[in-house]
């Protein structure tokens, strides 16, 4: 694990984005389909769509939040090590 963290920060961020881009749509699709299947008999379509849109938005915001935290952590560590 420590060898992975010693890579250049840009490479780690690119790898993180690659995994999110490759696996993210499949995971989001599975979540959306399961929400649809669970709520179909219980709620109107408009409410189901609103819930799906909200969960999609939250997942995108979580991705951005994690990306920013990773960016700050990795580059702060590099700057601290160079001093």
N, C-alpha and C. Protein backbone atom coordinates (compact mmCIF):
# COMPACT_ATOMS: atom_id res chain seq x y z
N UNK A 1 0.82 -1.19 0.00
CA UNK A 1 0.00 0.00 0.00
C UNK A 1 0.87 1.26 0.00
N UNK A 2 1.98 1.22 0.72
CA UNK A 2 2.83 2.41 0.79
C UNK A 2 3.48 2.70 -0.56
N UNK A 3 3.71 1.66 -1.35
CA UNK A 3 4.29 1.89 -2.69
C UNK A 3 3.31 2.65 -3.57
N UNK A 4 2.04 2.35 -3.41
CA UNK A 4 1.02 3.06 -4.19
C UNK A 4 0.98 4.53 -3.79
N UNK A 5 1.07 4.80 -2.49
CA UNK A 5 1.01 6.19 -2.03
C UNK A 5 2.26 6.98 -2.37
N UNK A 6 3.36 6.31 -2.72
CA UNK A 6 4.57 7.02 -3.10
C UNK A 6 4.58 7.43 -4.56
N UNK A 7 3.57 7.05 -5.31
CA UNK A 7 3.49 7.49 -6.71
C UNK A 7 3.25 8.99 -6.75
N UNK A 8 3.46 9.53 -7.88
CA UNK A 8 3.20 10.95 -8.04
C UNK A 8 1.71 11.22 -7.82
N UNK A 9 1.38 12.35 -7.20
CA UNK A 9 -0.03 12.65 -6.92
C UNK A 9 -0.91 12.69 -8.17
N UNK A 10 -0.37 13.17 -9.25
CA UNK A 10 -1.16 13.26 -10.47
C UNK A 10 -1.55 11.87 -10.98
N UNK A 11 -0.64 10.92 -10.85
CA UNK A 11 -0.95 9.55 -11.28
C UNK A 11 -2.06 8.96 -10.42
N UNK A 12 -2.00 9.20 -9.11
CA UNK A 12 -3.04 8.69 -8.23
C UNK A 12 -4.40 9.30 -8.54
N UNK A 13 -4.43 10.58 -8.82
CA UNK A 13 -5.70 11.23 -9.15
C UNK A 13 -6.24 10.70 -10.47
N UNK A 14 -5.36 10.49 -11.43
CA UNK A 14 -5.80 9.93 -12.71
C UNK A 14 -6.33 8.51 -12.52
N UNK A 15 -5.67 7.71 -11.71
CA UNK A 15 -6.16 6.35 -11.43
C UNK A 15 -7.52 6.39 -10.74
N UNK A 16 -7.68 7.28 -9.77
CA UNK A 16 -8.97 7.42 -9.08
C UNK A 16 -10.07 7.78 -10.07
N UNK A 17 -9.81 8.75 -10.92
CA UNK A 17 -10.81 9.16 -11.91
C UNK A 17 -11.10 8.03 -12.90
N UNK A 18 -10.08 7.29 -13.28
CA UNK A 18 -10.27 6.17 -14.19
C UNK A 18 -11.22 5.14 -13.59
N UNK A 19 -10.99 4.77 -12.33
CA UNK A 19 -11.86 3.79 -11.70
C UNK A 19 -13.29 4.31 -11.54
N UNK A 20 -13.43 5.58 -11.22
CA UNK A 20 -14.78 6.16 -11.10
C UNK A 20 -15.47 6.17 -12.45
N UNK A 21 -14.75 6.53 -13.50
CA UNK A 21 -15.36 6.59 -14.83
C UNK A 21 -15.69 5.20 -15.36
N UNK A 22 -14.85 4.21 -15.08
CA UNK A 22 -15.09 2.86 -15.58
C UNK A 22 -16.17 2.14 -14.78
N UNK A 23 -16.08 2.20 -13.45
CA UNK A 23 -17.00 1.42 -12.62
C UNK A 23 -18.19 2.22 -12.10
N UNK A 24 -18.08 3.54 -12.08
CA UNK A 24 -19.15 4.38 -11.55
C UNK A 24 -20.49 4.24 -12.24
N UNK A 25 -20.54 4.28 -13.57
CA UNK A 25 -21.84 4.16 -14.23
C UNK A 25 -22.54 2.84 -13.94
N UNK A 26 -21.78 1.75 -13.88
CA UNK A 26 -22.40 0.46 -13.58
C UNK A 26 -22.98 0.43 -12.16
N UNK A 27 -22.23 0.95 -11.21
CA UNK A 27 -22.71 0.99 -9.83
C UNK A 27 -23.93 1.90 -9.71
N UNK A 28 -23.87 3.08 -10.34
CA UNK A 28 -25.00 3.99 -10.30
C UNK A 28 -26.22 3.38 -10.97
N UNK A 29 -26.03 2.67 -12.06
CA UNK A 29 -27.13 2.00 -12.75
C UNK A 29 -27.78 0.96 -11.85
N UNK A 30 -26.97 0.16 -11.18
CA UNK A 30 -27.50 -0.87 -10.27
C UNK A 30 -28.30 -0.22 -9.14
N UNK A 31 -27.78 0.86 -8.59
CA UNK A 31 -28.49 1.56 -7.52
C UNK A 31 -29.83 2.11 -8.03
N UNK A 32 -29.81 2.74 -9.21
CA UNK A 32 -31.03 3.33 -9.76
C UNK A 32 -32.08 2.27 -10.06
N UNK A 33 -31.67 1.15 -10.63
CA UNK A 33 -32.61 0.08 -10.96
C UNK A 33 -33.22 -0.51 -9.69
N UNK A 34 -32.40 -0.70 -8.66
CA UNK A 34 -32.93 -1.25 -7.42
C UNK A 34 -33.89 -0.30 -6.73
N UNK A 35 -33.63 1.00 -6.81
CA UNK A 35 -34.57 1.98 -6.27
C UNK A 35 -35.89 1.89 -7.02
N UNK A 36 -35.81 1.81 -8.35
CA UNK A 36 -37.01 1.69 -9.17
C UNK A 36 -37.81 0.44 -8.81
N UNK A 37 -37.14 -0.68 -8.69
CA UNK A 37 -37.83 -1.94 -8.38
C UNK A 37 -38.45 -1.91 -6.99
N UNK A 38 -37.76 -1.31 -6.04
CA UNK A 38 -38.27 -1.28 -4.68
C UNK A 38 -39.45 -0.32 -4.54
N UNK A 39 -39.37 0.85 -5.16
CA UNK A 39 -40.39 1.88 -4.97
C UNK A 39 -41.53 1.83 -5.97
N UNK A 40 -41.41 1.07 -7.03
CA UNK A 40 -42.46 1.05 -8.06
C UNK A 40 -43.85 0.77 -7.50
N UNK A 41 -44.03 -0.23 -6.65
CA UNK A 41 -45.39 -0.46 -6.14
C UNK A 41 -45.79 0.52 -5.02
N UNK A 42 -44.87 1.26 -4.47
CA UNK A 42 -45.16 2.08 -3.30
C UNK A 42 -45.36 3.56 -3.59
N UNK A 43 -44.78 4.08 -4.66
CA UNK A 43 -44.77 5.52 -4.87
C UNK A 43 -45.06 5.86 -6.33
N UNK A 44 -45.56 7.09 -6.56
CA UNK A 44 -45.77 7.52 -7.96
C UNK A 44 -44.44 7.72 -8.69
N UNK A 45 -44.53 7.70 -10.01
CA UNK A 45 -43.31 7.78 -10.84
C UNK A 45 -42.54 9.08 -10.62
N UNK A 46 -43.27 10.16 -10.40
CA UNK A 46 -42.60 11.45 -10.20
C UNK A 46 -41.73 11.42 -8.95
N UNK A 47 -42.21 10.82 -7.89
CA UNK A 47 -41.43 10.73 -6.66
C UNK A 47 -40.23 9.80 -6.85
N UNK A 48 -40.43 8.71 -7.55
CA UNK A 48 -39.32 7.79 -7.82
C UNK A 48 -38.23 8.50 -8.63
N UNK A 49 -38.63 9.25 -9.64
CA UNK A 49 -37.67 10.01 -10.44
C UNK A 49 -36.93 11.05 -9.62
N UNK A 50 -37.65 11.70 -8.71
CA UNK A 50 -37.01 12.69 -7.85
C UNK A 50 -35.99 12.03 -6.93
N UNK A 51 -36.34 10.89 -6.36
CA UNK A 51 -35.42 10.17 -5.48
C UNK A 51 -34.19 9.70 -6.27
N UNK A 52 -34.39 9.19 -7.46
CA UNK A 52 -33.27 8.74 -8.28
C UNK A 52 -32.36 9.90 -8.66
N UNK A 53 -32.96 11.03 -9.02
CA UNK A 53 -32.15 12.20 -9.37
C UNK A 53 -31.36 12.71 -8.17
N UNK A 54 -31.99 12.69 -7.00
CA UNK A 54 -31.30 13.13 -5.79
C UNK A 54 -30.12 12.23 -5.45
N UNK A 55 -30.32 10.93 -5.55
CA UNK A 55 -29.24 10.00 -5.26
C UNK A 55 -28.12 10.13 -6.29
N UNK A 56 -28.45 10.34 -7.55
CA UNK A 56 -27.43 10.57 -8.57
C UNK A 56 -26.63 11.83 -8.29
N UNK A 57 -27.31 12.90 -7.91
CA UNK A 57 -26.64 14.15 -7.60
C UNK A 57 -25.73 14.00 -6.38
N UNK A 58 -26.22 13.33 -5.35
CA UNK A 58 -25.41 13.12 -4.15
C UNK A 58 -24.17 12.30 -4.47
N UNK A 59 -24.31 11.27 -5.30
CA UNK A 59 -23.14 10.45 -5.63
C UNK A 59 -22.10 11.26 -6.42
N UNK A 60 -22.54 12.14 -7.30
CA UNK A 60 -21.61 12.99 -8.03
C UNK A 60 -20.93 13.98 -7.09
N UNK A 61 -21.67 14.53 -6.15
CA UNK A 61 -21.07 15.45 -5.18
C UNK A 61 -20.08 14.74 -4.26
N UNK A 62 -20.37 13.49 -3.91
CA UNK A 62 -19.42 12.71 -3.11
C UNK A 62 -18.14 12.48 -3.89
N UNK A 63 -18.27 12.17 -5.19
CA UNK A 63 -17.09 11.98 -6.03
C UNK A 63 -16.24 13.24 -6.05
N UNK A 64 -16.86 14.39 -6.23
CA UNK A 64 -16.13 15.66 -6.26
C UNK A 64 -15.47 15.93 -4.91
N UNK A 65 -16.19 15.68 -3.83
CA UNK A 65 -15.64 15.90 -2.49
C UNK A 65 -14.42 15.01 -2.25
N UNK A 66 -14.52 13.73 -2.58
CA UNK A 66 -13.38 12.82 -2.39
C UNK A 66 -12.22 13.23 -3.28
N UNK A 67 -12.50 13.64 -4.51
CA UNK A 67 -11.45 14.07 -5.43
C UNK A 67 -10.71 15.28 -4.86
N UNK A 68 -11.45 16.26 -4.35
CA UNK A 68 -10.81 17.45 -3.79
C UNK A 68 -9.98 17.11 -2.55
N UNK A 69 -10.51 16.25 -1.68
CA UNK A 69 -9.75 15.85 -0.49
C UNK A 69 -8.47 15.11 -0.89
N UNK A 70 -8.58 14.21 -1.87
CA UNK A 70 -7.41 13.48 -2.35
C UNK A 70 -6.39 14.44 -2.95
N UNK A 71 -6.86 15.39 -3.73
CA UNK A 71 -5.98 16.37 -4.35
C UNK A 71 -5.22 17.16 -3.28
N UNK A 72 -5.96 17.68 -2.31
CA UNK A 72 -5.32 18.48 -1.26
C UNK A 72 -4.35 17.65 -0.44
N UNK A 73 -4.74 16.44 -0.08
CA UNK A 73 -3.88 15.59 0.73
C UNK A 73 -2.59 15.22 0.00
N UNK A 74 -2.72 14.79 -1.24
CA UNK A 74 -1.54 14.33 -1.98
C UNK A 74 -0.57 15.46 -2.28
N UNK A 75 -1.09 16.60 -2.72
CA UNK A 75 -0.19 17.69 -3.06
C UNK A 75 0.36 18.38 -1.81
N UNK A 76 -0.38 18.39 -0.73
CA UNK A 76 0.16 18.95 0.52
C UNK A 76 1.29 18.06 1.02
N UNK A 77 1.13 16.75 0.87
CA UNK A 77 2.18 15.83 1.29
C UNK A 77 3.45 16.00 0.45
N UNK A 78 3.28 16.22 -0.84
CA UNK A 78 4.44 16.42 -1.72
C UNK A 78 5.15 17.71 -1.38
N UNK A 79 4.40 18.76 -1.13
CA UNK A 79 5.00 20.05 -0.79
C UNK A 79 5.72 19.95 0.56
N UNK A 80 5.12 19.24 1.52
CA UNK A 80 5.75 19.09 2.83
C UNK A 80 7.04 18.27 2.71
N UNK A 81 7.07 17.26 1.86
CA UNK A 81 8.26 16.42 1.72
C UNK A 81 9.40 17.15 1.01
N UNK A 82 9.10 18.14 0.19
CA UNK A 82 10.14 18.85 -0.53
C UNK A 82 10.84 19.90 0.34
N UNK A 83 10.22 20.28 1.44
CA UNK A 83 10.82 21.33 2.28
C UNK A 83 11.87 20.77 3.17
